[in-house]
Amino acid sequence: MSLDDFLLEAEDKMSKTEQVVVNQFAGVRTGKASPALVENVMVEVYGSQMRVRELAGITTPEPRTLTIQPWDVNSLHPIEKAIQKSNLGLSPSIQGKTIRLFFPELSEERRQEFVKIIRKYAEDGRVAIRHVRRDSMDQLKKHTHDSGTTEDEVKQTEKELQKLTDEYAAKIDVLVAHKEKEIMTV
């Protein structure tokens, strides 16, 4: 395994961590309805756990309304129960063969709670990125003893790894700032 391979593998893992943070942010409510808020809610149907997006079509007919239309009518009530149990603070209402979710205006206090949640997600993401760096450094040191790579090459690779870590941590900071602004905008 070459030194570049260590960097590529670390960057791939950091990129995946960034994507996880982006997906978590999508699940945090702003003032508008978004299918991303409910698509990953887990529903118990057919004896297993499935995501809402696997069971139904999710649309936004109006800015403050989500409509969930299950492909199988039998999954209507389990989806409703899963949304009620989720931590979204929404009350689904069944209208015929669809579920409607209405998004009330967020209070200042609730907005602050959401900001705390996204900051926690961001910190978890930064910690995961630092874990990737630490694991890559450990692998690099093991590889160095086995392969006879020069110290200068190892030091350069470590600097590149730190640069990658800083870059991905900065990306997460930008995501947090953007999401905070989105949440706090009335």
N, C-alpha and C. Protein backbone atom coordinates (compact mmCIF):
# COMPACT_ATOMS: atom_id res chain seq x y z
N MET A 1 0.85 -1.18 0.00
CA MET A 1 0.00 0.00 0.00
C MET A 1 0.90 1.24 0.00
N SER A 2 0.69 2.12 -0.98
CA SER A 2 1.52 3.32 -1.06
C SER A 2 1.00 4.40 -0.11
N LEU A 3 1.81 5.42 0.11
CA LEU A 3 1.42 6.50 1.01
C LEU A 3 0.21 7.26 0.46
N ASP A 4 0.12 7.38 -0.85
CA ASP A 4 -1.03 8.05 -1.46
C ASP A 4 -2.32 7.27 -1.19
N ASP A 5 -2.21 5.96 -1.15
CA ASP A 5 -3.39 5.14 -0.85
C ASP A 5 -3.94 5.43 0.54
N PHE A 6 -3.03 5.68 1.51
CA PHE A 6 -3.48 6.04 2.85
C PHE A 6 -4.29 7.34 2.81
N LEU A 7 -3.78 8.30 2.05
CA LEU A 7 -4.47 9.60 1.94
C LEU A 7 -5.82 9.45 1.24
N LEU A 8 -5.84 8.66 0.17
CA LEU A 8 -7.09 8.47 -0.57
C LEU A 8 -8.14 7.77 0.29
N GLU A 9 -7.71 6.77 1.02
CA GLU A 9 -8.64 6.04 1.89
C GLU A 9 -9.17 6.95 2.99
N ALA A 10 -8.29 7.75 3.59
CA ALA A 10 -8.70 8.67 4.64
C ALA A 10 -9.67 9.71 4.09
N GLU A 11 -9.37 10.24 2.90
CA GLU A 11 -10.25 11.25 2.31
C GLU A 11 -11.63 10.66 2.01
N ASP A 12 -11.65 9.42 1.52
CA ASP A 12 -12.92 8.75 1.23
C ASP A 12 -13.76 8.63 2.50
N LYS A 13 -13.14 8.20 3.59
CA LYS A 13 -13.85 8.03 4.86
C LYS A 13 -14.34 9.38 5.40
N MET A 14 -13.51 10.42 5.25
CA MET A 14 -13.90 11.75 5.72
C MET A 14 -15.06 12.29 4.89
N SER A 15 -15.03 12.01 3.60
CA SER A 15 -16.11 12.45 2.72
C SER A 15 -17.42 11.77 3.11
N LYS A 16 -17.35 10.49 3.43
CA LYS A 16 -18.55 9.77 3.86
C LYS A 16 -19.07 10.33 5.18
N THR A 17 -18.17 10.70 6.08
CA THR A 17 -18.58 11.31 7.35
C THR A 17 -19.29 12.63 7.10
N GLU A 18 -18.75 13.43 6.18
CA GLU A 18 -19.39 14.70 5.83
C GLU A 18 -20.80 14.45 5.30
N GLN A 19 -20.95 13.42 4.48
CA GLN A 19 -22.26 13.10 3.90
C GLN A 19 -23.26 12.68 4.98
N VAL A 20 -22.78 11.95 5.98
CA VAL A 20 -23.64 11.55 7.10
C VAL A 20 -24.15 12.80 7.82
N VAL A 21 -23.25 13.76 8.05
CA VAL A 21 -23.65 15.01 8.73
C VAL A 21 -24.68 15.76 7.89
N VAL A 22 -24.47 15.81 6.58
CA VAL A 22 -25.42 16.48 5.69
C VAL A 22 -26.80 15.81 5.80
N ASN A 23 -26.82 14.48 5.80
CA ASN A 23 -28.09 13.75 5.92
C ASN A 23 -28.76 13.99 7.27
N GLN A 24 -27.96 14.06 8.33
CA GLN A 24 -28.53 14.34 9.64
C GLN A 24 -29.13 15.74 9.67
N PHE A 25 -28.44 16.70 9.08
CA PHE A 25 -28.94 18.07 9.03
C PHE A 25 -30.26 18.14 8.27
N ALA A 26 -30.39 17.34 7.22
CA ALA A 26 -31.63 17.36 6.43
C ALA A 26 -32.82 16.92 7.27
N GLY A 27 -32.57 16.10 8.28
CA GLY A 27 -33.64 15.63 9.14
C GLY A 27 -34.04 16.60 10.23
N VAL A 28 -33.30 17.72 10.35
CA VAL A 28 -33.64 18.71 11.36
C VAL A 28 -34.55 19.75 10.72
N ARG A 29 -35.65 20.00 11.38
CA ARG A 29 -36.70 20.85 10.84
C ARG A 29 -36.31 22.32 10.76
N THR A 30 -36.68 22.94 9.68
CA THR A 30 -36.63 24.39 9.57
C THR A 30 -38.08 24.84 9.51
N GLY A 31 -38.34 26.03 9.06
CA GLY A 31 -39.72 26.51 8.99
C GLY A 31 -40.50 25.91 7.83
N LYS A 32 -39.81 25.26 6.89
CA LYS A 32 -40.47 24.75 5.69
C LYS A 32 -40.58 23.24 5.72
N ALA A 33 -41.54 22.72 4.98
CA ALA A 33 -41.71 21.27 4.86
C ALA A 33 -40.69 20.74 3.86
N SER A 34 -40.06 19.64 4.21
CA SER A 34 -39.10 19.01 3.32
C SER A 34 -39.23 17.49 3.45
N PRO A 35 -39.27 16.77 2.33
CA PRO A 35 -39.37 15.31 2.41
C PRO A 35 -38.23 14.68 3.21
N ALA A 36 -37.07 15.35 3.25
CA ALA A 36 -35.93 14.81 3.98
C ALA A 36 -36.21 14.67 5.48
N LEU A 37 -37.18 15.41 5.98
CA LEU A 37 -37.49 15.35 7.40
C LEU A 37 -38.04 14.00 7.83
N VAL A 38 -38.81 13.35 6.96
CA VAL A 38 -39.47 12.10 7.34
C VAL A 38 -39.00 10.89 6.56
N GLU A 39 -38.22 11.08 5.51
CA GLU A 39 -37.89 9.93 4.65
C GLU A 39 -37.07 8.86 5.35
N ASN A 40 -36.33 9.22 6.39
CA ASN A 40 -35.51 8.22 7.09
C ASN A 40 -36.13 7.72 8.38
N VAL A 41 -37.36 8.12 8.67
CA VAL A 41 -38.05 7.61 9.85
C VAL A 41 -38.29 6.11 9.65
N MET A 42 -37.91 5.33 10.66
CA MET A 42 -38.04 3.87 10.56
C MET A 42 -39.45 3.44 10.97
N VAL A 43 -40.04 2.57 10.14
CA VAL A 43 -41.40 2.08 10.34
C VAL A 43 -41.36 0.57 10.46
N GLU A 44 -42.11 0.03 11.42
CA GLU A 44 -42.19 -1.42 11.58
C GLU A 44 -43.36 -1.93 10.74
N VAL A 45 -43.04 -2.56 9.60
CA VAL A 45 -44.06 -3.16 8.73
C VAL A 45 -43.53 -4.48 8.19
N TYR A 46 -44.43 -5.36 7.87
CA TYR A 46 -44.08 -6.67 7.29
C TYR A 46 -43.05 -7.41 8.14
N GLY A 47 -43.05 -7.17 9.44
CA GLY A 47 -42.14 -7.88 10.34
C GLY A 47 -40.71 -7.37 10.32
N SER A 48 -40.48 -6.21 9.73
CA SER A 48 -39.12 -5.66 9.73
C SER A 48 -39.17 -4.14 9.77
N GLN A 49 -38.01 -3.54 9.91
CA GLN A 49 -37.90 -2.07 9.95
C GLN A 49 -37.60 -1.56 8.54
N MET A 50 -38.38 -0.58 8.10
CA MET A 50 -38.16 0.02 6.77
C MET A 50 -38.28 1.53 6.91
N ARG A 51 -37.64 2.25 6.00
CA ARG A 51 -37.73 3.71 5.99
C ARG A 51 -39.02 4.14 5.29
N VAL A 52 -39.52 5.31 5.66
CA VAL A 52 -40.74 5.83 5.05
C VAL A 52 -40.56 5.94 3.54
N ARG A 53 -39.38 6.38 3.10
CA ARG A 53 -39.16 6.55 1.66
C ARG A 53 -39.25 5.24 0.88
N GLU A 54 -39.07 4.11 1.56
CA GLU A 54 -39.18 2.81 0.92
C GLU A 54 -40.63 2.33 0.85
N LEU A 55 -41.50 2.99 1.61
CA LEU A 55 -42.89 2.55 1.72
C LEU A 55 -43.89 3.49 1.05
N ALA A 56 -43.46 4.71 0.75
CA ALA A 56 -44.43 5.70 0.29
C ALA A 56 -43.78 6.80 -0.53
N GLY A 57 -44.63 7.50 -1.28
CA GLY A 57 -44.20 8.69 -1.99
C GLY A 57 -44.40 9.89 -1.07
N ILE A 58 -43.41 10.78 -1.01
CA ILE A 58 -43.47 11.94 -0.13
C ILE A 58 -43.44 13.20 -1.00
N THR A 59 -44.45 14.05 -0.86
CA THR A 59 -44.51 15.27 -1.66
C THR A 59 -44.78 16.48 -0.77
N THR A 60 -44.50 17.66 -1.30
CA THR A 60 -44.79 18.91 -0.60
C THR A 60 -45.72 19.75 -1.45
N PRO A 61 -47.03 19.56 -1.29
CA PRO A 61 -47.98 20.32 -2.12
C PRO A 61 -47.99 21.81 -1.79
N GLU A 62 -47.67 22.16 -0.55
CA GLU A 62 -47.61 23.55 -0.10
C GLU A 62 -46.35 23.70 0.75
N PRO A 63 -45.85 24.94 0.94
CA PRO A 63 -44.61 25.14 1.70
C PRO A 63 -44.63 24.59 3.13
N ARG A 64 -45.79 24.53 3.77
CA ARG A 64 -45.86 24.06 5.15
C ARG A 64 -46.60 22.73 5.30
N THR A 65 -46.71 21.97 4.21
CA THR A 65 -47.45 20.70 4.24
C THR A 65 -46.65 19.61 3.55
N LEU A 66 -46.62 18.44 4.17
CA LEU A 66 -46.05 17.25 3.54
C LEU A 66 -47.18 16.24 3.36
N THR A 67 -47.17 15.56 2.22
CA THR A 67 -48.14 14.51 1.98
C THR A 67 -47.38 13.21 1.78
N ILE A 68 -47.79 12.18 2.51
CA ILE A 68 -47.17 10.86 2.40
C ILE A 68 -48.23 9.91 1.88
N GLN A 69 -47.96 9.33 0.73
CA GLN A 69 -48.92 8.40 0.13
C GLN A 69 -48.29 7.02 0.04
N PRO A 70 -48.67 6.12 0.96
CA PRO A 70 -48.09 4.77 0.96
C PRO A 70 -48.49 3.99 -0.31
N TRP A 71 -47.58 3.15 -0.77
CA TRP A 71 -47.88 2.32 -1.93
C TRP A 71 -48.81 1.18 -1.54
N ASP A 72 -48.73 0.77 -0.27
CA ASP A 72 -49.63 -0.25 0.25
C ASP A 72 -50.46 0.39 1.37
N VAL A 73 -51.78 0.39 1.23
CA VAL A 73 -52.66 1.05 2.19
C VAL A 73 -52.48 0.46 3.60
N ASN A 74 -52.08 -0.82 3.68
CA ASN A 74 -51.90 -1.46 4.99
C ASN A 74 -50.78 -0.82 5.81
N SER A 75 -49.87 -0.11 5.16
CA SER A 75 -48.77 0.51 5.90
C SER A 75 -49.10 1.93 6.35
N LEU A 76 -50.34 2.39 6.11
CA LEU A 76 -50.76 3.75 6.46
C LEU A 76 -50.64 4.01 7.98
N HIS A 77 -51.23 3.14 8.78
CA HIS A 77 -51.22 3.34 10.24
C HIS A 77 -49.83 3.13 10.86
N PRO A 78 -49.05 2.13 10.41
CA PRO A 78 -47.69 2.01 10.95
C PRO A 78 -46.82 3.25 10.66
N ILE A 79 -46.99 3.85 9.48
CA ILE A 79 -46.23 5.06 9.15
C ILE A 79 -46.66 6.19 10.08
N GLU A 80 -47.96 6.31 10.30
CA GLU A 80 -48.47 7.35 11.20
C GLU A 80 -47.87 7.19 12.60
N LYS A 81 -47.87 5.96 13.12
CA LYS A 81 -47.34 5.71 14.46
C LYS A 81 -45.85 6.02 14.53
N ALA A 82 -45.09 5.65 13.48
CA ALA A 82 -43.65 5.90 13.47
C ALA A 82 -43.35 7.40 13.49
N ILE A 83 -44.14 8.17 12.75
CA ILE A 83 -43.93 9.62 12.73
C ILE A 83 -44.27 10.23 14.09
N GLN A 84 -45.31 9.71 14.72
CA GLN A 84 -45.67 10.20 16.05
C GLN A 84 -44.57 9.90 17.06
N LYS A 85 -43.97 8.71 16.96
CA LYS A 85 -42.91 8.31 17.88
C LYS A 85 -41.60 9.04 17.61
N SER A 86 -41.41 9.48 16.36
CA SER A 86 -40.15 10.17 16.03
C SER A 86 -40.08 11.48 16.80
N ASN A 87 -38.92 12.05 16.86
CA ASN A 87 -38.69 13.24 17.67
C ASN A 87 -38.92 14.52 16.86
N LEU A 88 -39.83 14.49 15.90
CA LEU A 88 -40.03 15.63 15.01
C LEU A 88 -41.04 16.64 15.55
N GLY A 89 -41.85 16.24 16.48
CA GLY A 89 -42.85 17.14 17.02
C GLY A 89 -43.98 17.42 16.04
N LEU A 90 -44.31 16.45 15.19
CA LEU A 90 -45.37 16.61 14.20
C LEU A 90 -46.54 15.69 14.52
N SER A 91 -47.73 16.15 14.18
CA SER A 91 -48.93 15.34 14.36
C SER A 91 -49.50 14.97 13.00
N PRO A 92 -49.30 13.72 12.58
CA PRO A 92 -49.84 13.32 11.27
C PRO A 92 -51.35 13.14 11.33
N SER A 93 -52.01 13.47 10.23
CA SER A 93 -53.45 13.21 10.15
C SER A 93 -53.72 12.41 8.88
N ILE A 94 -54.53 11.37 9.04
CA ILE A 94 -54.86 10.51 7.90
C ILE A 94 -56.08 11.08 7.21
N GLN A 95 -55.94 11.27 5.89
CA GLN A 95 -57.06 11.75 5.07
C GLN A 95 -57.18 10.81 3.89
N GLY A 96 -58.13 9.91 3.98
CA GLY A 96 -58.31 8.91 2.93
C GLY A 96 -57.16 7.93 2.93
N LYS A 97 -56.43 7.87 1.81
CA LYS A 97 -55.30 6.95 1.68
C LYS A 97 -53.96 7.67 1.80
N THR A 98 -53.97 8.89 2.34
CA THR A 98 -52.73 9.65 2.50
C THR A 98 -52.60 10.16 3.94
N ILE A 99 -51.36 10.50 4.27
CA ILE A 99 -51.07 11.11 5.57
C ILE A 99 -50.61 12.54 5.29
N ARG A 100 -51.19 13.48 6.01
CA ARG A 100 -50.79 14.88 5.86
C ARG A 100 -50.08 15.34 7.13
N LEU A 101 -48.99 16.06 6.93
CA LEU A 101 -48.26 16.66 8.04
C LEU A 101 -48.26 18.17 7.85
N PHE A 102 -48.73 18.89 8.86
CA PHE A 102 -48.75 20.35 8.80
C PHE A 102 -47.64 20.87 9.70
N PHE A 103 -46.87 21.81 9.19
CA PHE A 103 -45.74 22.37 9.91
C PHE A 103 -46.12 23.72 10.49
N PRO A 104 -46.29 23.80 11.81
CA PRO A 104 -46.60 25.09 12.42
C PRO A 104 -45.35 25.98 12.43
N GLU A 105 -45.54 27.24 12.64
CA GLU A 105 -44.43 28.19 12.75
C GLU A 105 -43.60 27.80 13.98
N LEU A 106 -42.28 27.82 13.86
CA LEU A 106 -41.42 27.44 14.98
C LEU A 106 -41.26 28.60 15.95
N SER A 107 -41.31 28.29 17.24
CA SER A 107 -41.07 29.32 18.26
C SER A 107 -39.56 29.54 18.38
N GLU A 108 -39.18 30.65 18.98
CA GLU A 108 -37.75 30.97 19.16
C GLU A 108 -37.06 29.89 20.00
N GLU A 109 -37.76 29.43 21.02
CA GLU A 109 -37.20 28.40 21.90
C GLU A 109 -36.94 27.10 21.13
N ARG A 110 -37.89 26.72 20.30
CA ARG A 110 -37.75 25.49 19.52
C ARG A 110 -36.61 25.63 18.50
N ARG A 111 -36.47 26.81 17.92
CA ARG A 111 -35.36 27.06 16.98
C ARG A 111 -34.02 26.87 17.68
N GLN A 112 -33.92 27.37 18.91
CA GLN A 112 -32.67 27.23 19.68
C GLN A 112 -32.38 25.75 19.96
N GLU A 113 -33.42 24.97 20.24
CA GLU A 113 -33.23 23.53 20.46
C GLU A 113 -32.67 22.87 19.21
N PHE A 114 -33.23 23.24 18.04
CA PHE A 114 -32.75 22.67 16.78
C PHE A 114 -31.30 23.06 16.51
N VAL A 115 -30.93 24.28 16.86
CA VAL A 115 -29.54 24.72 16.68
C VAL A 115 -28.62 23.87 17.55
N LYS A 116 -29.02 23.58 18.78
CA LYS A 116 -28.22 22.72 19.66
C LYS A 116 -28.06 21.33 19.05
N ILE A 117 -29.14 20.82 18.47
CA ILE A 117 -29.10 19.49 17.85
C ILE A 117 -28.11 19.46 16.70
N ILE A 118 -28.16 20.47 15.83
CA ILE A 118 -27.24 20.44 14.68
C ILE A 118 -25.79 20.65 15.13
N ARG A 119 -25.59 21.42 16.18
CA ARG A 119 -24.22 21.59 16.70
C ARG A 119 -23.68 20.26 17.23
N LYS A 120 -24.56 19.48 17.87
CA LYS A 120 -24.14 18.16 18.37
C LYS A 120 -23.80 17.24 17.19
N TYR A 121 -24.65 17.24 16.16
CA TYR A 121 -24.35 16.43 14.98
C TYR A 121 -23.01 16.84 14.36
N ALA A 122 -22.77 18.14 14.30
CA ALA A 122 -21.53 18.64 13.72
C ALA A 122 -20.32 18.20 14.55
N GLU A 123 -20.45 18.30 15.87
CA GLU A 123 -19.34 17.88 16.72
C GLU A 123 -19.08 16.38 16.58
N ASP A 124 -20.14 15.59 16.49
CA ASP A 124 -19.98 14.15 16.26
C ASP A 124 -19.25 13.90 14.95
N GLY A 125 -19.58 14.69 13.92
CA GLY A 125 -18.92 14.56 12.62
C GLY A 125 -17.44 14.91 12.71
N ARG A 126 -17.12 16.00 13.43
CA ARG A 126 -15.71 16.39 13.58
C ARG A 126 -14.93 15.32 14.35
N VAL A 127 -15.56 14.76 15.38
CA VAL A 127 -14.91 13.69 16.15
C VAL A 127 -14.64 12.48 15.24
N ALA A 128 -15.63 12.13 14.41
CA ALA A 128 -15.45 10.99 13.49
C ALA A 128 -14.30 11.27 12.51
N ILE A 129 -14.19 12.50 12.06
CA ILE A 129 -13.10 12.85 11.14
C ILE A 129 -11.75 12.72 11.85
N ARG A 130 -11.68 13.16 13.09
CA ARG A 130 -10.42 13.02 13.85
C ARG A 130 -10.10 11.55 14.09
N HIS A 131 -11.13 10.71 14.28
CA HIS A 131 -10.89 9.27 14.43
C HIS A 131 -10.31 8.69 13.14
N VAL A 132 -10.81 9.14 12.02
CA VAL A 132 -10.27 8.67 10.73
C VAL A 132 -8.80 9.05 10.64
N ARG A 133 -8.48 10.29 11.02
CA ARG A 133 -7.08 10.73 10.98
C ARG A 133 -6.22 9.85 11.90
N ARG A 134 -6.68 9.63 13.13
CA ARG A 134 -5.91 8.83 14.08
C ARG A 134 -5.69 7.41 13.54
N ASP A 135 -6.75 6.79 13.02
CA ASP A 135 -6.62 5.43 12.48
C ASP A 135 -5.65 5.39 11.31
N SER A 136 -5.72 6.39 10.44
CA SER A 136 -4.82 6.44 9.29
C SER A 136 -3.37 6.62 9.74
N MET A 137 -3.16 7.45 10.76
CA MET A 137 -1.80 7.65 11.30
C MET A 137 -1.26 6.33 11.86
N ASP A 138 -2.12 5.60 12.59
CA ASP A 138 -1.69 4.32 13.15
C ASP A 138 -1.32 3.33 12.04
N GLN A 139 -2.15 3.26 11.00
CA GLN A 139 -1.86 2.37 9.87
C GLN A 139 -0.57 2.79 9.18
N LEU A 140 -0.38 4.08 9.06
CA LEU A 140 0.82 4.61 8.40
C LEU A 140 2.07 4.21 9.17
N LYS A 141 2.02 4.30 10.50
CA LYS A 141 3.19 3.94 11.32
C LYS A 141 3.49 2.44 11.20
N LYS A 142 2.42 1.62 11.20
CA LYS A 142 2.64 0.18 11.02
C LYS A 142 3.25 -0.11 9.66
N HIS A 143 2.72 0.55 8.66
CA HIS A 143 3.20 0.36 7.28
C HIS A 143 4.66 0.79 7.15
N THR A 144 5.04 1.86 7.84
CA THR A 144 6.39 2.40 7.77
C THR A 144 7.41 1.39 8.28
N HIS A 145 7.07 0.74 9.39
CA HIS A 145 7.99 -0.25 9.96
C HIS A 145 8.17 -1.44 9.01
N ASP A 146 7.13 -1.83 8.32
CA ASP A 146 7.17 -3.00 7.45
C ASP A 146 7.82 -2.71 6.10
N SER A 147 7.59 -1.51 5.56
CA SER A 147 7.99 -1.26 4.17
C SER A 147 9.31 -0.53 4.01
N GLY A 148 9.80 0.10 5.05
CA GLY A 148 11.06 0.81 4.92
C GLY A 148 10.93 2.15 4.21
N THR A 149 9.79 2.83 4.38
CA THR A 149 9.58 4.15 3.79
C THR A 149 10.41 5.16 4.58
N THR A 150 10.90 6.19 3.91
CA THR A 150 11.74 7.18 4.59
C THR A 150 10.91 8.04 5.54
N GLU A 151 11.61 8.60 6.53
CA GLU A 151 10.94 9.44 7.52
C GLU A 151 10.36 10.69 6.89
N ASP A 152 11.05 11.25 5.91
CA ASP A 152 10.58 12.47 5.25
C ASP A 152 9.25 12.22 4.54
N GLU A 153 9.15 11.07 3.89
CA GLU A 153 7.90 10.73 3.19
C GLU A 153 6.76 10.56 4.19
N VAL A 154 7.04 9.94 5.32
CA VAL A 154 6.03 9.74 6.35
C VAL A 154 5.58 11.08 6.92
N LYS A 155 6.54 11.96 7.22
CA LYS A 155 6.21 13.29 7.76
C LYS A 155 5.35 14.06 6.77
N GLN A 156 5.69 13.99 5.49
CA GLN A 156 4.91 14.69 4.46
C GLN A 156 3.48 14.13 4.38
N THR A 157 3.36 12.81 4.46
CA THR A 157 2.04 12.18 4.43
C THR A 157 1.23 12.59 5.66
N GLU A 158 1.88 12.66 6.83
CA GLU A 158 1.19 13.09 8.04
C GLU A 158 0.70 14.53 7.90
N LYS A 159 1.51 15.40 7.30
CA LYS A 159 1.09 16.79 7.07
C LYS A 159 -0.12 16.84 6.14
N GLU A 160 -0.10 16.03 5.09
CA GLU A 160 -1.21 15.99 4.14
C GLU A 160 -2.48 15.48 4.84
N LEU A 161 -2.30 14.50 5.70
CA LEU A 161 -3.43 13.94 6.44
C LEU A 161 -4.04 14.99 7.37
N GLN A 162 -3.18 15.78 8.02
CA GLN A 162 -3.67 16.85 8.89
C GLN A 162 -4.38 17.92 8.07
N LYS A 163 -3.86 18.20 6.88
CA LYS A 163 -4.48 19.19 6.00
C LYS A 163 -5.88 18.73 5.59
N LEU A 164 -6.00 17.44 5.27
CA LEU A 164 -7.30 16.86 4.92
C LEU A 164 -8.27 16.97 6.10
N THR A 165 -7.79 16.67 7.29
CA THR A 165 -8.62 16.74 8.48
C THR A 165 -9.15 18.15 8.68
N ASP A 166 -8.26 19.14 8.57
CA ASP A 166 -8.65 20.54 8.74
C ASP A 166 -9.66 20.95 7.67
N GLU A 167 -9.44 20.48 6.45
CA GLU A 167 -10.34 20.82 5.33
C GLU A 167 -11.75 20.29 5.58
N TYR A 168 -11.87 19.05 6.01
CA TYR A 168 -13.19 18.47 6.24
C TYR A 168 -13.86 19.05 7.49
N ALA A 169 -13.08 19.39 8.50
CA ALA A 169 -13.65 20.04 9.68
C ALA A 169 -14.19 21.42 9.30
N ALA A 170 -13.49 22.11 8.42
CA ALA A 170 -13.95 23.43 7.95
C ALA A 170 -15.24 23.29 7.13
N LYS A 171 -15.33 22.23 6.33
CA LYS A 171 -16.56 22.00 5.55
C LYS A 171 -17.75 21.81 6.48
N ILE A 172 -17.55 21.08 7.56
CA ILE A 172 -18.63 20.86 8.52
C ILE A 172 -19.01 22.17 9.19
N ASP A 173 -18.01 23.02 9.50
CA ASP A 173 -18.30 24.33 10.09
C ASP A 173 -19.16 25.18 9.16
N VAL A 174 -18.87 25.12 7.87
CA VAL A 174 -19.66 25.87 6.89
C VAL A 174 -21.09 25.33 6.85
N LEU A 175 -21.23 24.01 6.87
CA LEU A 175 -22.56 23.41 6.88
C LEU A 175 -23.37 23.84 8.11
N VAL A 176 -22.70 23.87 9.27
CA VAL A 176 -23.38 24.27 10.51
C VAL A 176 -23.85 25.72 10.40
N ALA A 177 -22.98 26.60 9.92
CA ALA A 177 -23.34 28.01 9.81
C ALA A 177 -24.53 28.19 8.87
N HIS A 178 -24.53 27.46 7.76
CA HIS A 178 -25.63 27.57 6.79
C HIS A 178 -26.94 27.06 7.40
N LYS A 179 -26.88 25.91 8.07
CA LYS A 179 -28.10 25.32 8.64
C LYS A 179 -28.62 26.18 9.80
N GLU A 180 -27.71 26.74 10.60
CA GLU A 180 -28.12 27.62 11.69
C GLU A 180 -28.88 28.83 11.15
N LYS A 181 -28.33 29.41 10.10
CA LYS A 181 -28.98 30.57 9.47
C LYS A 181 -30.36 30.19 8.96
N GLU A 182 -30.45 29.01 8.34
CA GLU A 182 -31.71 28.52 7.80
C GLU A 182 -32.75 28.33 8.92
N ILE A 183 -32.32 27.78 10.04
CA ILE A 183 -33.24 27.53 11.15
C ILE A 183 -33.68 28.84 11.81
N MET A 184 -32.77 29.76 11.97
CA MET A 184 -33.08 31.00 12.70
C MET A 184 -33.83 32.03 11.85
N THR A 185 -33.87 31.83 10.53
CA THR A 185 -34.62 32.73 9.67
C THR A 185 -36.11 32.51 9.87
N VAL A 186 -36.79 33.57 10.20
CA VAL A 186 -38.23 33.46 10.48
C VAL A 186 -39.02 33.61 9.19
